[in-house]
C-alpha cells in the first residue's frame, strides 16, 4: 500500500486496511479526509491485493462500494488505469491511499506497512 507523503500513518493492521478500502473509515487519525484510489476490478494486481492484503474477493469490495454509492451513505473509490497513474494521483492528492506492485525508490509517495 502507498499513501500521500503528508499522511501521518506508517503502518496499519489488515482490519484497518480493510476499513479504509471499503470506505468505512473516512478520515485519517489527524482528521484529513481519506481519498482511496484503486485499479479496475479485472486488473490482476487488484485481484491479488484484494485477496492477499484485505482477505476479500474483488466482487466483495465492489458490492460494498456499490451498496454505499446507491444507498447514498458513501462513495466509491476513484479508479485509475495503471500503476503509474496510481503513483501520480496518490502523490498529488492529500490524504490519498492506494496500492502498487512495488514502490520505486524515487517515488513521491510513502509505502505503508500492513501487518
PDB file of N, CA and C in Angstrom:
ATOM      1  N   UNK A   1       0.845  -1.174   0.000  1.00  0.00           N
ATOM      2  CA  UNK A   1       0.000   0.000   0.000  1.00  0.00           C
ATOM      3  C   UNK A   1       0.889   1.235   0.000  1.00  0.00           C
ATOM      4  N   UNK A   2       0.359   2.303  -0.526  1.00  0.00           N
ATOM      5  CA  UNK A   2       1.064   3.578  -0.562  1.00  0.00           C
ATOM      6  C   UNK A   2       0.130   4.681  -0.086  1.00  0.00           C
ATOM      7  N   UNK A   3       0.737   5.736   0.447  1.00  0.00           N
ATOM      8  CA  UNK A   3      -0.033   6.891   0.906  1.00  0.00           C
ATOM      9  C   UNK A   3       0.655   8.175   0.462  1.00  0.00           C
ATOM     10  N   UNK A   4      -0.103   9.254   0.466  1.00  0.00           N
ATOM     11  CA  UNK A   4       0.440  10.591   0.213  1.00  0.00           C
ATOM     12  C   UNK A   4       1.476  10.872   1.310  1.00  0.00           C
ATOM     13  N   UNK A   5       2.575  11.545   0.992  1.00  0.00           N
ATOM     14  CA  UNK A   5       3.620  11.810   1.989  1.00  0.00           C
ATOM     15  C   UNK A   5       3.132  12.561   3.232  1.00  0.00           C
ATOM     16  N   UNK A   6       2.039  13.303   3.128  1.00  0.00           N
ATOM     17  CA  UNK A   6       1.529  14.055   4.269  1.00  0.00           C
ATOM     18  C   UNK A   6       0.694  13.248   5.252  1.00  0.00           C
ATOM     19  N   UNK A   7       0.385  12.004   4.908  1.00  0.00           N
ATOM     20  CA  UNK A   7      -0.389  11.151   5.820  1.00  0.00           C
ATOM     21  C   UNK A   7       0.537  10.719   6.954  1.00  0.00           C
ATOM     22  N   UNK A   8       0.101  10.885   8.185  1.00  0.00           N
ATOM     23  CA  UNK A   8       0.951  10.588   9.334  1.00  0.00           C
ATOM     24  C   UNK A   8       1.031   9.123   9.724  1.00  0.00           C
ATOM     25  N   UNK A   9       0.371   8.246   9.014  1.00  0.00           N
ATOM     26  CA  UNK A   9       0.345   6.822   9.357  1.00  0.00           C
ATOM     27  C   UNK A   9       1.460   6.106   8.604  1.00  0.00           C
ATOM     28  N   UNK A  10       2.211   5.234   9.295  1.00  0.00           N
ATOM     29  CA  UNK A  10       3.289   4.477   8.651  1.00  0.00           C
ATOM     30  C   UNK A  10       2.977   2.990   8.551  1.00  0.00           C
ATOM     31  N   UNK A  11       2.023   2.522   9.349  1.00  0.00           N
ATOM     32  CA  UNK A  11       1.642   1.109   9.321  1.00  0.00           C
ATOM     33  C   UNK A  11       0.201   0.986   9.790  1.00  0.00           C
ATOM     34  N   UNK A  12      -0.444  -0.111   9.396  1.00  0.00           N
ATOM     35  CA  UNK A  12      -1.808  -0.384   9.850  1.00  0.00           C
ATOM     36  C   UNK A  12      -2.040  -1.887   9.854  1.00  0.00           C
ATOM     37  N   UNK A  13      -3.074  -2.285  10.543  1.00  0.00           N
ATOM     38  CA  UNK A  13      -3.433  -3.701  10.575  1.00  0.00           C
ATOM     39  C   UNK A  13      -4.225  -4.056   9.319  1.00  0.00           C
ATOM     40  N   UNK A  14      -4.366  -5.339   9.086  1.00  0.00           N
ATOM     41  CA  UNK A  14      -5.184  -5.792   7.956  1.00  0.00           C
ATOM     42  C   UNK A  14      -6.610  -5.293   8.107  1.00  0.00           C
ATOM     43  N   UNK A  15      -7.136  -5.318   9.319  1.00  0.00           N
ATOM     44  CA  UNK A  15      -8.506  -4.853   9.540  1.00  0.00           C
ATOM     45  C   UNK A  15      -8.639  -3.365   9.227  1.00  0.00           C
ATOM     46  N   UNK A  16      -7.653  -2.560   9.650  1.00  0.00           N
ATOM     47  CA  UNK A  16      -7.700  -1.128   9.335  1.00  0.00           C
ATOM     48  C   UNK A  16      -7.637  -0.909   7.825  1.00  0.00           C
ATOM     49  N   UNK A  17      -6.768  -1.659   7.143  1.00  0.00           N
ATOM     50  CA  UNK A  17      -6.673  -1.541   5.681  1.00  0.00           C
ATOM     51  C   UNK A  17      -8.018  -1.860   5.043  1.00  0.00           C
ATOM     52  N   UNK A  18      -8.674  -2.905   5.524  1.00  0.00           N
ATOM     53  CA  UNK A  18      -9.987  -3.292   5.002  1.00  0.00           C
ATOM     54  C   UNK A  18     -11.010  -2.172   5.243  1.00  0.00           C
ATOM     55  N   UNK A  19     -10.978  -1.562   6.413  1.00  0.00           N
ATOM     56  CA  UNK A  19     -11.923  -0.478   6.728  1.00  0.00           C
ATOM     57  C   UNK A  19     -11.692   0.748   5.851  1.00  0.00           C
ATOM     58  N   UNK A  20     -10.433   1.090   5.598  1.00  0.00           N
ATOM     59  CA  UNK A  20     -10.141   2.228   4.721  1.00  0.00           C
ATOM     60  C   UNK A  20     -10.554   1.925   3.280  1.00  0.00           C
ATOM     61  N   UNK A  21     -10.213   0.726   2.793  1.00  0.00           N
ATOM     62  CA  UNK A  21     -10.510   0.399   1.390  1.00  0.00           C
ATOM     63  C   UNK A  21     -11.997   0.178   1.145  1.00  0.00           C
ATOM     64  N   UNK A  22     -12.752  -0.204   2.155  1.00  0.00           N
ATOM     65  CA  UNK A  22     -14.201  -0.343   1.980  1.00  0.00           C
ATOM     66  C   UNK A  22     -14.916   0.970   2.287  1.00  0.00           C
ATOM     67  N   UNK A  23     -14.134   2.021   2.508  1.00  0.00           N
ATOM     68  CA  UNK A  23     -14.647   3.373   2.704  1.00  0.00           C
ATOM     69  C   UNK A  23     -15.441   3.524   4.006  1.00  0.00           C
ATOM     70  N   UNK A  24     -15.181   2.649   4.966  1.00  0.00           N
ATOM     71  CA  UNK A  24     -15.867   2.762   6.256  1.00  0.00           C
ATOM     72  C   UNK A  24     -15.142   3.735   7.189  1.00  0.00           C
ATOM     73  N   UNK A  25     -13.807   3.804   7.085  1.00  0.00           N
ATOM     74  CA  UNK A  25     -13.046   4.838   7.788  1.00  0.00           C
ATOM     75  C   UNK A  25     -12.812   5.950   6.780  1.00  0.00           C
ATOM     76  N   UNK A  26     -13.330   7.113   7.067  1.00  0.00           N
ATOM     77  CA  UNK A  26     -13.330   8.198   6.091  1.00  0.00           C
ATOM     78  C   UNK A  26     -12.277   9.270   6.340  1.00  0.00           C
ATOM     79  N   UNK A  27     -11.637   9.238   7.523  1.00  0.00           N
ATOM     80  CA  UNK A  27     -10.595  10.221   7.823  1.00  0.00           C
ATOM     81  C   UNK A  27      -9.403   9.523   8.469  1.00  0.00           C
ATOM     82  N   UNK A  28      -8.225  10.128   8.292  1.00  0.00           N
ATOM     83  CA  UNK A  28      -7.022   9.662   8.961  1.00  0.00           C
ATOM     84  C   UNK A  28      -7.073  10.117  10.414  1.00  0.00           C
ATOM     85  N   UNK A  29      -6.237   9.558  11.295  1.00  0.00           N
ATOM     86  CA  UNK A  29      -6.251   9.982  12.707  1.00  0.00           C
ATOM     87  C   UNK A  29      -6.056  11.494  12.903  1.00  0.00           C
ATOM     88  N   UNK A  30      -5.371  12.161  11.965  1.00  0.00           N
ATOM     89  CA  UNK A  30      -5.177  13.612  12.102  1.00  0.00           C
ATOM     90  C   UNK A  30      -6.346  14.424  11.551  1.00  0.00           C
ATOM     91  N   UNK A  31      -7.426  13.753  11.108  1.00  0.00           N
ATOM     92  CA  UNK A  31      -8.622  14.442  10.633  1.00  0.00           C
ATOM     93  C   UNK A  31      -8.676  14.705   9.139  1.00  0.00           C
ATOM     94  N   UNK A  32      -7.603  14.427   8.408  1.00  0.00           N
ATOM     95  CA  UNK A  32      -7.581  14.640   6.960  1.00  0.00           C
ATOM     96  C   UNK A  32      -8.460  13.583   6.281  1.00  0.00           C
ATOM     97  N   UNK A  33      -9.336  13.984   5.363  1.00  0.00           N
ATOM     98  CA  UNK A  33     -10.181  13.000   4.669  1.00  0.00           C
ATOM     99  C   UNK A  33      -9.340  12.013   3.846  1.00  0.00           C
ATOM    100  N   UNK A  34      -9.761  10.764   3.857  1.00  0.00           N
ATOM    101  CA  UNK A  34      -9.095   9.716   3.082  1.00  0.00           C
ATOM    102  C   UNK A  34      -9.651   9.738   1.660  1.00  0.00           C
ATOM    103  N   UNK A  35      -8.777   9.677   0.679  1.00  0.00           N
ATOM    104  CA  UNK A  35      -9.158   9.583  -0.724  1.00  0.00           C
ATOM    105  C   UNK A  35      -8.542   8.294  -1.257  1.00  0.00           C
ATOM    106  N   UNK A  36      -9.392   7.319  -1.580  1.00  0.00           N
ATOM    107  CA  UNK A  36      -8.921   5.990  -1.988  1.00  0.00           C
ATOM    108  C   UNK A  36      -8.868   5.879  -3.507  1.00  0.00           C
ATOM    109  N   UNK A  37      -7.763   5.347  -4.006  1.00  0.00           N
ATOM    110  CA  UNK A  37      -7.573   5.072  -5.431  1.00  0.00           C
ATOM    111  C   UNK A  37      -7.379   3.573  -5.599  1.00  0.00           C
ATOM    112  N   UNK A  38      -8.044   2.999  -6.611  1.00  0.00           N
ATOM    113  CA  UNK A  38      -7.936   1.560  -6.886  1.00  0.00           C
ATOM    114  C   UNK A  38      -7.754   1.339  -8.380  1.00  0.00           C
ATOM    115  N   UNK A  39      -7.247   0.172  -8.713  1.00  0.00           N
ATOM    116  CA  UNK A  39      -7.153  -0.255 -10.104  1.00  0.00           C
ATOM    117  C   UNK A  39      -8.483  -0.886 -10.511  1.00  0.00           C
ATOM    118  N   UNK A  40      -8.746  -1.066 -11.799  1.00  0.00           N
ATOM    119  CA  UNK A  40     -10.006  -1.691 -12.234  1.00  0.00           C
ATOM    120  C   UNK A  40     -10.189  -3.093 -11.637  1.00  0.00           C
ATOM    121  N   UNK A  41     -11.428  -3.494 -11.452  1.00  0.00           N
ATOM    122  CA  UNK A  41     -11.751  -4.793 -10.838  1.00  0.00           C
ATOM    123  C   UNK A  41     -11.063  -5.957 -11.529  1.00  0.00           C
ATOM    124  N   UNK A  42     -10.903  -5.875 -12.847  1.00  0.00           N
ATOM    125  CA  UNK A  42     -10.343  -7.001 -13.592  1.00  0.00           C
ATOM    126  C   UNK A  42      -8.812  -6.992 -13.647  1.00  0.00           C
ATOM    127  N   UNK A  43      -8.165  -5.973 -13.100  1.00  0.00           N
ATOM    128  CA  UNK A  43      -6.708  -5.898 -13.101  1.00  0.00           C
ATOM    129  C   UNK A  43      -6.119  -6.992 -12.203  1.00  0.00           C
ATOM    130  N   UNK A  44      -5.117  -7.742 -12.683  1.00  0.00           N
ATOM    131  CA  UNK A  44      -4.526  -8.822 -11.868  1.00  0.00           C
ATOM    132  C   UNK A  44      -3.965  -8.327 -10.534  1.00  0.00           C
ATOM    133  N   UNK A  45      -3.362  -7.134 -10.507  1.00  0.00           N
ATOM    134  CA  UNK A  45      -2.837  -6.603  -9.253  1.00  0.00           C
ATOM    135  C   UNK A  45      -3.971  -6.305  -8.280  1.00  0.00           C
ATOM    136  N   UNK A  46      -5.084  -5.780  -8.767  1.00  0.00           N
ATOM    137  CA  UNK A  46      -6.237  -5.505  -7.904  1.00  0.00           C
ATOM    138  C   UNK A  46      -6.741  -6.803  -7.271  1.00  0.00           C
ATOM    139  N   UNK A  47      -6.835  -7.849  -8.076  1.00  0.00           N
ATOM    140  CA  UNK A  47      -7.293  -9.139  -7.546  1.00  0.00           C
ATOM    141  C   UNK A  47      -6.335  -9.673  -6.488  1.00  0.00           C
ATOM    142  N   UNK A  48      -5.026  -9.612  -6.766  1.00  0.00           N
ATOM    143  CA  UNK A  48      -4.023 -10.085  -5.795  1.00  0.00           C
ATOM    144  C   UNK A  48      -4.066  -9.259  -4.517  1.00  0.00           C
ATOM    145  N   UNK A  49      -4.151  -7.948  -4.657  1.00  0.00           N
ATOM    146  CA  UNK A  49      -4.191  -7.063  -3.498  1.00  0.00           C
ATOM    147  C   UNK A  49      -5.416  -7.351  -2.634  1.00  0.00           C
ATOM    148  N   UNK A  50      -6.575  -7.436  -3.268  1.00  0.00           N
ATOM    149  CA  UNK A  50      -7.818  -7.658  -2.513  1.00  0.00           C
ATOM    150  C   UNK A  50      -7.755  -8.968  -1.733  1.00  0.00           C
ATOM    151  N   UNK A  51      -7.306 -10.033  -2.369  1.00  0.00           N
ATOM    152  CA  UNK A  51      -7.304 -11.331  -1.692  1.00  0.00           C
ATOM    153  C   UNK A  51      -6.153 -11.468  -0.697  1.00  0.00           C
ATOM    154  N   UNK A  52      -4.938 -11.067  -1.085  1.00  0.00           N
ATOM    155  CA  UNK A  52      -3.774 -11.270  -0.222  1.00  0.00           C
ATOM    156  C   UNK A  52      -3.707 -10.284   0.942  1.00  0.00           C
ATOM    157  N   UNK A  53      -4.000  -9.017   0.701  1.00  0.00           N
ATOM    158  CA  UNK A  53      -3.863  -7.997   1.745  1.00  0.00           C
ATOM    159  C   UNK A  53      -5.152  -7.814   2.539  1.00  0.00           C
ATOM    160  N   UNK A  54      -6.283  -7.728   1.837  1.00  0.00           N
ATOM    161  CA  UNK A  54      -7.548  -7.440   2.511  1.00  0.00           C
ATOM    162  C   UNK A  54      -8.323  -8.686   2.920  1.00  0.00           C
ATOM    163  N   UNK A  55      -8.005  -9.828   2.304  1.00  0.00           N
ATOM    164  CA  UNK A  55      -8.753 -11.046   2.602  1.00  0.00           C
ATOM    165  C   UNK A  55     -10.155 -11.019   2.025  1.00  0.00           C
ATOM    166  N   UNK A  56     -10.344 -10.265   0.950  1.00  0.00           N
ATOM    167  CA  UNK A  56     -11.641 -10.153   0.282  1.00  0.00           C
ATOM    168  C   UNK A  56     -11.473 -10.456  -1.200  1.00  0.00           C
ATOM    169  N   UNK A  57     -12.540 -10.876  -1.832  1.00  0.00           N
ATOM    170  CA  UNK A  57     -12.529 -11.022  -3.284  1.00  0.00           C
ATOM    171  C   UNK A  57     -12.931  -9.682  -3.897  1.00  0.00           C
ATOM    172  N   UNK A  58     -12.440  -9.381  -5.096  1.00  0.00           N
ATOM    173  CA  UNK A  58     -12.798  -8.096  -5.723  1.00  0.00           C
ATOM    174  C   UNK A  58     -14.304  -7.859  -5.822  1.00  0.00           C
ATOM    175  N   UNK A  59     -15.077  -8.910  -6.079  1.00  0.00           N
ATOM    176  CA  UNK A  59     -16.524  -8.712  -6.178  1.00  0.00           C
ATOM    177  C   UNK A  59     -17.116  -8.298  -4.831  1.00  0.00           C
ATOM    178  N   UNK A  60     -16.497  -8.734  -3.718  1.00  0.00           N
ATOM    179  CA  UNK A  60     -16.985  -8.321  -2.402  1.00  0.00           C
ATOM    180  C   UNK A  60     -16.718  -6.825  -2.174  1.00  0.00           C
ATOM    181  N   UNK A  61     -15.540  -6.371  -2.572  1.00  0.00           N
ATOM    182  CA  UNK A  61     -15.251  -4.937  -2.483  1.00  0.00           C
ATOM    183  C   UNK A  61     -16.234  -4.140  -3.324  1.00  0.00           C
ATOM    184  N   UNK A  62     -16.453  -4.566  -4.559  1.00  0.00           N
ATOM    185  CA  UNK A  62     -17.371  -3.870  -5.467  1.00  0.00           C
ATOM    186  C   UNK A  62     -18.771  -3.816  -4.869  1.00  0.00           C
ATOM    187  N   UNK A  63     -19.211  -4.900  -4.257  1.00  0.00           N
ATOM    188  CA  UNK A  63     -20.551  -4.945  -3.653  1.00  0.00           C
ATOM    189  C   UNK A  63     -20.667  -3.905  -2.525  1.00  0.00           C
ATOM    190  N   UNK A  64     -19.637  -3.811  -1.687  1.00  0.00           N
ATOM    191  CA  UNK A  64     -19.651  -2.823  -0.601  1.00  0.00           C
ATOM    192  C   UNK A  64     -19.701  -1.407  -1.175  1.00  0.00           C
ATOM    193  N   UNK A  65     -18.838  -1.123  -2.164  1.00  0.00           N
ATOM    194  CA  UNK A  65     -18.812   0.215  -2.759  1.00  0.00           C
ATOM    195  C   UNK A  65     -20.137   0.554  -3.419  1.00  0.00           C
ATOM    196  N   UNK A  66     -20.708  -0.388  -4.175  1.00  0.00           N
ATOM    197  CA  UNK A  66     -21.978  -0.135  -4.862  1.00  0.00           C
ATOM    198  C   UNK A  66     -23.104   0.102  -3.864  1.00  0.00           C
ATOM    199  N   UNK A  67     -23.130  -0.666  -2.786  1.00  0.00           N
ATOM    200  CA  UNK A  67     -24.174  -0.502  -1.765  1.00  0.00           C
ATOM    201  C   UNK A  67     -24.092   0.900  -1.164  1.00  0.00           C
ATOM    202  N   UNK A  68     -22.892   1.356  -0.839  1.00  0.00           N
ATOM    203  CA  UNK A  68     -22.731   2.691  -0.260  1.00  0.00           C
ATOM    204  C   UNK A  68     -23.120   3.775  -1.268  1.00  0.00           C
ATOM    205  N   UNK A  69     -22.708   3.586  -2.503  1.00  0.00           N
ATOM    206  CA  UNK A  69     -22.996   4.569  -3.542  1.00  0.00           C
ATOM    207  C   UNK A  69     -24.495   4.681  -3.805  1.00  0.00           C
ATOM    208  N   UNK A  70     -25.159   3.553  -3.988  1.00  0.00           N
ATOM    209  CA  UNK A  70     -26.578   3.570  -4.338  1.00  0.00           C
ATOM    210  C   UNK A  70     -27.496   3.892  -3.171  1.00  0.00           C
ATOM    211  N   UNK A  71     -27.018   3.654  -1.936  1.00  0.00           N
ATOM    212  CA  UNK A  71     -27.837   3.994  -0.779  1.00  0.00           C
ATOM    213  C   UNK A  71     -27.627   5.445  -0.348  1.00  0.00           C
ATOM    214  N   UNK A  72     -26.601   6.091  -0.919  1.00  0.00           N
ATOM    215  CA  UNK A  72     -26.322   7.474  -0.559  1.00  0.00           C
ATOM    216  C   UNK A  72     -25.544   7.626   0.732  1.00  0.00           C
ATOM    217  N   UNK A  73     -25.015   6.525   1.272  1.00  0.00           N
ATOM    218  CA  UNK A  73     -24.289   6.597   2.544  1.00  0.00           C
ATOM    219  C   UNK A  73     -22.788   6.776   2.363  1.00  0.00           C
ATOM    220  N   UNK A  74     -22.314   6.737   1.126  1.00  0.00           N
ATOM    221  CA  UNK A  74     -20.883   6.884   0.886  1.00  0.00           C
ATOM    222  C   UNK A  74     -20.616   6.991  -0.594  1.00  0.00           C
ATOM    223  N   UNK A  75     -19.362   6.839  -0.941  1.00  0.00           N
ATOM    224  CA  UNK A  75     -18.998   6.900  -2.341  1.00  0.00           C
ATOM    225  C   UNK A  75     -17.989   5.812  -2.656  1.00  0.00           C
ATOM    226  N   UNK A  76     -17.831   5.536  -3.909  1.00  0.00           N
ATOM    227  CA  UNK A  76     -16.871   4.538  -4.363  1.00  0.00           C
ATOM    228  C   UNK A  76     -15.499   5.192  -4.502  1.00  0.00           C
ATOM    229  N   UNK A  77     -14.429   4.389  -4.420  1.00  0.00           N
ATOM    230  CA  UNK A  77     -13.101   4.965  -4.639  1.00  0.00           C
ATOM    231  C   UNK A  77     -12.907   5.386  -6.089  1.00  0.00           C
ATOM    232  N   UNK A  78     -11.876   6.160  -6.334  1.00  0.00           N
ATOM    233  CA  UNK A  78     -11.543   6.588  -7.687  1.00  0.00           C
ATOM    234  C   UNK A  78     -10.741   5.487  -8.366  1.00  0.00           C
ATOM    235  N   UNK A  79     -11.178   5.070  -9.552  1.00  0.00           N
ATOM    236  CA  UNK A  79     -10.470   4.039 -10.302  1.00  0.00           C
ATOM    237  C   UNK A  79      -9.463   4.700 -11.237  1.00  0.00           C
ATOM    238  N   UNK A  80      -8.236   4.191 -11.210  1.00  0.00           N
ATOM    239  CA  UNK A  80      -7.176   4.680 -12.092  1.00  0.00           C
ATOM    240  C   UNK A  80      -6.820   3.573 -13.079  1.00  0.00           C
ATOM    241  N   UNK A  81      -6.231   3.930 -14.199  1.00  0.00           N
ATOM    242  CA  UNK A  81      -5.989   2.977 -15.279  1.00  0.00           C
ATOM    243  C   UNK A  81      -4.722   2.145 -15.121  1.00  0.00           C
ATOM    244  N   UNK A  82      -3.739   2.642 -14.371  1.00  0.00           N
ATOM    245  CA  UNK A  82      -2.453   1.945 -14.305  1.00  0.00           C
ATOM    246  C   UNK A  82      -1.753   2.242 -12.982  1.00  0.00           C
ATOM    247  N   UNK A  83      -0.693   1.483 -12.717  1.00  0.00           N
ATOM    248  CA  UNK A  83       0.106   1.732 -11.516  1.00  0.00           C
ATOM    249  C   UNK A  83       0.795   3.093 -11.593  1.00  0.00           C
ATOM    250  N   UNK A  84       1.231   3.493 -12.791  1.00  0.00           N
ATOM    251  CA  UNK A  84       1.874   4.806 -12.953  1.00  0.00           C
ATOM    252  C   UNK A  84       0.898   5.926 -12.598  1.00  0.00           C
ATOM    253  N   UNK A  85      -0.343   5.797 -13.058  1.00  0.00           N
ATOM    254  CA  UNK A  85      -1.349   6.803 -12.708  1.00  0.00           C
ATOM    255  C   UNK A  85      -1.642   6.757 -11.213  1.00  0.00           C
ATOM    256  N   UNK A  86      -1.664   5.565 -10.628  1.00  0.00           N
ATOM    257  CA  UNK A  86      -1.878   5.418  -9.187  1.00  0.00           C
ATOM    258  C   UNK A  86      -0.803   6.200  -8.430  1.00  0.00           C
ATOM    259  N   UNK A  87       0.450   6.029  -8.804  1.00  0.00           N
ATOM    260  CA  UNK A  87       1.544   6.751  -8.149  1.00  0.00           C
ATOM    261  C   UNK A  87       1.362   8.259  -8.282  1.00  0.00           C
ATOM    262  N   UNK A  88       1.035   8.731  -9.483  1.00  0.00           N
ATOM    263  CA  UNK A  88       0.847  10.172  -9.707  1.00  0.00           C
ATOM    264  C   UNK A  88      -0.310  10.721  -8.879  1.00  0.00           C
ATOM    265  N   UNK A  89      -1.446  10.034  -8.903  1.00  0.00           N
ATOM    266  CA  UNK A  89      -2.641  10.543  -8.217  1.00  0.00           C
ATOM    267  C   UNK A  89      -2.474  10.527  -6.702  1.00  0.00           C
ATOM    268  N   UNK A  90      -1.870   9.467  -6.155  1.00  0.00           N
ATOM    269  CA  UNK A  90      -1.653   9.407  -4.707  1.00  0.00           C
ATOM    270  C   UNK A  90      -0.667  10.493  -4.279  1.00  0.00           C
ATOM    271  N   UNK A  91       0.374  10.704  -5.056  1.00  0.00           N
ATOM    272  CA  UNK A  91       1.360  11.741  -4.729  1.00  0.00           C
ATOM    273  C   UNK A  91       0.755  13.137  -4.769  1.00  0.00           C
ATOM    274  N   UNK A  92      -0.219  13.359  -5.635  1.00  0.00           N
ATOM    275  CA  UNK A  92      -0.787  14.692  -5.834  1.00  0.00           C
ATOM    276  C   UNK A  92      -2.017  14.979  -4.972  1.00  0.00           C
ATOM    277  N   UNK A  93      -2.538  13.985  -4.255  1.00  0.00           N
ATOM    278  CA  UNK A  93      -3.790  14.146  -3.517  1.00  0.00           C
ATOM    279  C   UNK A  93      -3.569  14.008  -2.014  1.00  0.00           C
ATOM    280  N   UNK A  94      -3.708  15.095  -1.246  1.00  0.00           N
ATOM    281  CA  UNK A  94      -3.566  14.979   0.209  1.00  0.00           C
ATOM    282  C   UNK A  94      -4.548  13.958   0.778  1.00  0.00           C
ATOM    283  N   UNK A  95      -4.066  13.104   1.670  1.00  0.00           N
ATOM    284  CA  UNK A  95      -4.902  12.086   2.291  1.00  0.00           C
ATOM    285  C   UNK A  95      -5.098  10.841   1.455  1.00  0.00           C
ATOM    286  N   UNK A  96      -4.398  10.737   0.325  1.00  0.00           N
ATOM    287  CA  UNK A  96      -4.616   9.628  -0.605  1.00  0.00           C
ATOM    288  C   UNK A  96      -4.031   8.314  -0.111  1.00  0.00           C
ATOM    289  N   UNK A  97      -4.712   7.239  -0.519  1.00  0.00           N
ATOM    290  CA  UNK A  97      -4.327   5.870  -0.202  1.00  0.00           C
ATOM    291  C   UNK A  97      -4.504   5.032  -1.460  1.00  0.00           C
ATOM    292  N   UNK A  98      -3.538   4.169  -1.754  1.00  0.00           N
ATOM    293  CA  UNK A  98      -3.630   3.301  -2.920  1.00  0.00           C
ATOM    294  C   UNK A  98      -2.697   2.114  -2.763  1.00  0.00           C
ATOM    295  N   UNK A  99      -2.395   1.446  -3.856  1.00  0.00           N
ATOM    296  CA  UNK A  99      -1.502   0.292  -3.817  1.00  0.00           C
ATOM    297  C   UNK A  99      -0.843   0.112  -5.175  1.00  0.00           C
ATOM    298  N   UNK A 100       0.358  -0.412  -5.148  1.00  0.00           N
ATOM    299  CA  UNK A 100       1.113  -0.747  -6.356  1.00  0.00           C
ATOM    300  C   UNK A 100       1.841  -2.057  -6.091  1.00  0.00           C
ATOM    301  N   UNK A 101       2.324  -2.686  -7.170  1.00  0.00           N
ATOM    302  CA  UNK A 101       3.056  -3.941  -7.032  1.00  0.00           C
ATOM    303  C   UNK A 101       4.356  -3.751  -6.273  1.00  0.00           C
ATOM    304  N   UNK A 102       5.096  -2.696  -6.596  1.00  0.00           N
ATOM    305  CA  UNK A 102       6.313  -2.343  -5.862  1.00  0.00           C
ATOM    306  C   UNK A 102       6.493  -0.833  -5.961  1.00  0.00           C
ATOM    307  N   UNK A 103       7.045  -0.265  -4.906  1.00  0.00           N
ATOM    308  CA  UNK A 103       7.219   1.185  -4.839  1.00  0.00           C
ATOM    309  C   UNK A 103       8.614   1.530  -5.360  1.00  0.00           C
ATOM    310  N   UNK A 104       8.705   2.299  -6.443  1.00  0.00           N
ATOM    311  CA  UNK A 104      10.019   2.721  -6.948  1.00  0.00           C
ATOM    312  C   UNK A 104      10.769   3.539  -5.897  1.00  0.00           C
ATOM    313  N   UNK A 105      12.092   3.425  -5.900  1.00  0.00           N
ATOM    314  CA  UNK A 105      12.911   4.133  -4.911  1.00  0.00           C
ATOM    315  C   UNK A 105      12.720   5.646  -4.966  1.00  0.00           C
ATOM    316  N   UNK A 106      12.469   6.188  -6.150  1.00  0.00           N
ATOM    317  CA  UNK A 106      12.323   7.632  -6.292  1.00  0.00           C
ATOM    318  C   UNK A 106      10.861   8.090  -6.303  1.00  0.00           C
ATOM    319  N   UNK A 107       9.951   7.235  -5.875  1.00  0.00           N
ATOM    320  CA  UNK A 107       8.516   7.556  -5.906  1.00  0.00           C
ATOM    321  C   UNK A 107       8.193   8.687  -4.921  1.00  0.00           C
ATOM    322  N   UNK A 108       7.313   9.602  -5.317  1.00  0.00           N
ATOM    323  CA  UNK A 108       6.923  10.714  -4.445  1.00  0.00           C
ATOM    324  C   UNK A 108       5.799  10.324  -3.477  1.00  0.00           C
ATOM    325  N   UNK A 109       5.707   9.047  -3.126  1.00  0.00           N
ATOM    326  CA  UNK A 109       4.711   8.543  -2.183  1.00  0.00           C
ATOM    327  C   UNK A 109       5.443   7.797  -1.077  1.00  0.00           C
ATOM    328  N   UNK A 110       4.712   7.463  -0.023  1.00  0.00           N
ATOM    329  CA  UNK A 110       5.310   6.720   1.079  1.00  0.00           C
ATOM    330  C   UNK A 110       4.695   5.336   1.163  1.00  0.00           C
ATOM    331  N   UNK A 111       5.508   4.284   1.263  1.00  0.00           N
ATOM    332  CA  UNK A 111       4.951   2.940   1.432  1.00  0.00           C
ATOM    333  C   UNK A 111       4.296   2.821   2.804  1.00  0.00           C
ATOM    334  N   UNK A 112       3.289   1.999   2.893  1.00  0.00           N
ATOM    335  CA  UNK A 112       2.546   1.791   4.133  1.00  0.00           C
ATOM    336  C   UNK A 112       2.572   0.309   4.448  1.00  0.00           C
ATOM    337  N   UNK A 113       3.082  -0.038   5.606  1.00  0.00           N
ATOM    338  CA  UNK A 113       3.160  -1.442   6.002  1.00  0.00           C
ATOM    339  C   UNK A 113       1.811  -1.924   6.523  1.00  0.00           C
ATOM    340  N   UNK A 114       1.391  -3.092   6.040  1.00  0.00           N
ATOM    341  CA  UNK A 114       0.162  -3.713   6.547  1.00  0.00           C
ATOM    342  C   UNK A 114       0.579  -4.959   7.316  1.00  0.00           C
ATOM    343  N   UNK A 115       0.215  -5.024   8.596  1.00  0.00           N
ATOM    344  CA  UNK A 115       0.619  -6.160   9.431  1.00  0.00           C
ATOM    345  C   UNK A 115      -0.571  -7.004   9.816  1.00  0.00           C
TER     346      UNK A 115
END
